[in-house]
Amino acid sequence: MRAEYWVIAGLILAVAEVVAPGTFLIFFAAGAVITGLAALLIGSLVIQVLVFVVATLSIFVIGTRHYRRLLAARHPGEITRGPLGEPGIVEAAIVNGRGKVRVRDISWLAAGADLAVGTPVVVTAVKGTLLEVRSVSEG
C-alpha cells in the first residue's frame, strides 16, 4: 500500500480522536503514521501490516504507562485508591451480592448486600473494577 494512504488514515484517526476523545484512536493514528513512514522503504503489504500492529501495540504500552504516571502526579493516590469512601447510588439492583452502582457519574460493577435501585451507598473497597458497597443507612 502507498505510504500516503497510511499517513492519511493516521490523520483521519487523529481527527476522530479529537472529535470523540477517549485516548484510544490516537494509538492507531500513531501506528498508521509510523507505518506510512516505513512504507517508504517497505513494499510488502504483509510487512506493512505487521509494522502497523507492532507500532500500535508499542505506542499503546508506552502511552498508557506515561498516561498513568501523569495521572498519578496530578492526583496522588487516586489511581490505586479509586473511589474508596465515595458516595454513590444503586443503578441496577444488587441481587445475590452483585449489581451496578453509579459513582462519579460512572457506572461500576458492585458487590454487597442486596439493595434496591436508588439506594444511596458508600464504597467500602475497590477490587479492580468491582466496588464493594454498603448502604448509607447501615452507617
Protein backbone atom coordinates (compact mmCIF):
# COMPACT_ATOMS: atom_id res chain seq x y z
CA MET A 1 0.00 0.00 0.00
CA ARG A 2 1.23 3.50 -0.66
CA ALA A 3 2.74 5.48 2.19
CA GLU A 4 0.30 8.36 1.65
CA TYR A 5 -2.67 6.12 2.44
CA TRP A 6 -1.20 5.16 5.80
CA VAL A 7 -0.49 8.79 6.68
CA ILE A 8 -3.96 9.91 5.59
CA ALA A 9 -5.52 7.10 7.66
CA GLY A 10 -3.43 8.23 10.64
CA LEU A 11 -4.58 11.83 10.24
CA ILE A 12 -8.23 10.78 9.95
CA LEU A 13 -7.88 8.69 13.13
CA ALA A 14 -6.20 11.61 14.93
CA VAL A 15 -9.07 13.92 13.96
CA ALA A 16 -11.57 11.27 15.10
CA GLU A 17 -9.76 11.16 18.46
CA VAL A 18 -10.17 14.92 18.83
CA VAL A 19 -13.85 14.78 17.86
CA ALA A 20 -14.63 11.78 20.10
CA PRO A 21 -11.91 11.84 22.78
CA GLY A 22 -11.24 8.67 24.66
CA THR A 23 -7.47 8.19 24.36
CA PHE A 24 -7.92 5.16 22.15
CA LEU A 25 -7.81 6.08 18.48
CA ILE A 26 -4.63 8.09 18.93
CA PHE A 27 -2.63 4.86 19.28
CA PHE A 28 -3.92 3.62 15.93
CA ALA A 29 -3.27 7.04 14.40
CA ALA A 30 0.36 6.99 15.53
CA GLY A 31 0.78 3.41 14.34
CA ALA A 32 -0.59 4.34 10.91
CA VAL A 33 1.74 7.35 10.57
CA ILE A 34 4.76 5.25 11.59
CA THR A 35 3.69 2.59 9.08
CA GLY A 36 3.37 5.29 6.42
CA LEU A 37 6.98 6.30 7.04
CA ALA A 38 8.07 2.66 6.98
CA ALA A 39 6.10 2.10 3.76
CA LEU A 40 8.53 4.44 2.00
CA LEU A 41 11.11 1.65 2.46
CA ILE A 42 8.88 -1.44 2.55
CA GLY A 43 6.78 -2.52 -0.41
CA SER A 44 5.18 -5.66 1.00
CA LEU A 45 1.66 -5.12 2.36
CA VAL A 46 2.06 -8.04 4.78
CA ILE A 47 5.14 -6.45 6.34
CA GLN A 48 3.42 -3.05 6.43
CA VAL A 49 0.51 -4.56 8.36
CA LEU A 50 2.98 -6.22 10.71
CA VAL A 51 4.74 -2.87 11.23
CA PHE A 52 1.34 -1.27 11.93
CA VAL A 53 0.45 -3.88 14.57
CA VAL A 54 3.85 -3.72 16.29
CA ALA A 55 3.97 0.10 16.19
CA THR A 56 0.42 0.45 17.51
CA LEU A 57 0.96 -2.01 20.37
CA SER A 58 4.31 -0.42 21.28
CA ILE A 59 2.83 3.07 21.36
CA PHE A 60 -0.13 1.77 23.36
CA VAL A 61 2.16 0.29 26.04
CA ILE A 62 4.37 3.39 26.19
CA GLY A 63 1.39 5.75 26.09
CA THR A 64 -0.59 4.07 28.84
CA ARG A 65 2.45 3.95 31.13
CA HIS A 66 3.08 7.64 30.54
CA TYR A 67 -0.61 8.49 31.00
CA ARG A 68 -0.80 6.62 34.33
CA ARG A 69 2.35 8.34 35.58
CA LEU A 70 0.94 11.72 34.52
CA LEU A 71 -2.41 10.98 36.18
CA ALA A 72 -0.71 9.79 39.38
CA ALA A 73 1.25 13.06 39.56
CA ARG A 74 -1.94 15.12 39.22
CA HIS A 75 -3.99 13.05 41.67
CA PRO A 76 -1.67 11.27 44.11
CA GLY A 77 -3.09 8.01 45.47
CA GLU A 78 -6.25 8.17 43.40
CA ILE A 79 -5.28 5.52 40.87
CA THR A 80 -4.77 2.84 43.49
CA ARG A 81 -7.45 4.17 45.84
CA GLY A 82 -10.12 4.73 43.22
CA PRO A 83 -13.48 5.90 44.54
CA LEU A 84 -12.91 4.40 48.00
CA GLY A 85 -15.15 6.08 50.57
CA GLU A 86 -17.15 7.99 47.97
CA PRO A 87 -20.95 8.07 47.87
CA GLY A 88 -22.95 6.53 45.07
CA ILE A 89 -26.37 5.24 44.18
CA VAL A 90 -27.56 1.79 43.15
CA GLU A 91 -28.19 1.85 39.41
CA ALA A 92 -29.10 -1.82 38.85
CA ALA A 93 -30.42 -3.67 41.90
CA ILE A 94 -27.83 -5.61 43.84
CA VAL A 95 -29.23 -9.14 43.87
CA ASN A 96 -27.38 -12.18 45.20
CA GLY A 97 -24.49 -9.87 46.03
CA ARG A 98 -23.99 -8.37 42.53
CA GLY A 99 -25.32 -5.29 40.75
CA LYS A 100 -24.30 -1.86 39.49
CA VAL A 101 -23.77 1.49 41.20
CA ARG A 102 -23.13 4.99 39.89
CA VAL A 103 -20.16 6.78 41.48
CA ARG A 104 -18.56 9.93 39.98
CA ASP A 105 -21.01 9.72 37.08
CA ILE A 106 -19.54 6.34 36.14
CA SER A 107 -21.39 3.04 36.25
CA TRP A 108 -19.44 0.37 38.18
CA LEU A 109 -19.99 -3.31 38.90
CA ALA A 110 -20.81 -3.64 42.58
CA ALA A 111 -20.79 -6.27 45.29
CA GLY A 112 -22.59 -6.12 48.59
CA ALA A 113 -25.82 -6.82 50.40
CA ASP A 114 -28.96 -6.93 48.27
CA LEU A 115 -30.15 -3.35 47.67
CA ALA A 116 -32.90 -1.79 45.56
CA VAL A 117 -32.39 0.67 42.71
CA GLY A 118 -31.95 4.21 44.03
CA THR A 119 -30.47 3.20 47.37
CA PRO A 120 -27.64 5.56 48.46
CA VAL A 121 -24.39 3.66 49.06
CA VAL A 122 -20.79 4.29 50.05
CA VAL A 123 -17.79 2.46 48.56
CA THR A 124 -16.04 0.32 51.17
CA ALA A 125 -13.45 -1.43 48.97
CA VAL A 126 -12.12 -1.39 45.42
CA LYS A 127 -11.09 -4.62 43.71
CA GLY A 128 -10.09 -3.76 40.15
CA THR A 129 -13.29 -2.54 38.52
CA LEU A 130 -15.54 -4.06 41.18
CA LEU A 131 -16.67 -1.82 44.03
CA GLU A 132 -17.76 -3.27 47.34
CA VAL A 133 -20.51 -1.09 48.74
CA ARG A 134 -22.79 -0.79 51.74
CA SER A 135 -25.95 1.16 52.23
CA VAL A 136 -25.52 4.64 53.71
CA SER A 137 -28.25 3.79 56.21
CA GLU A 138 -26.08 0.94 57.59
CA GLY A 139 -23.75 3.61 58.99
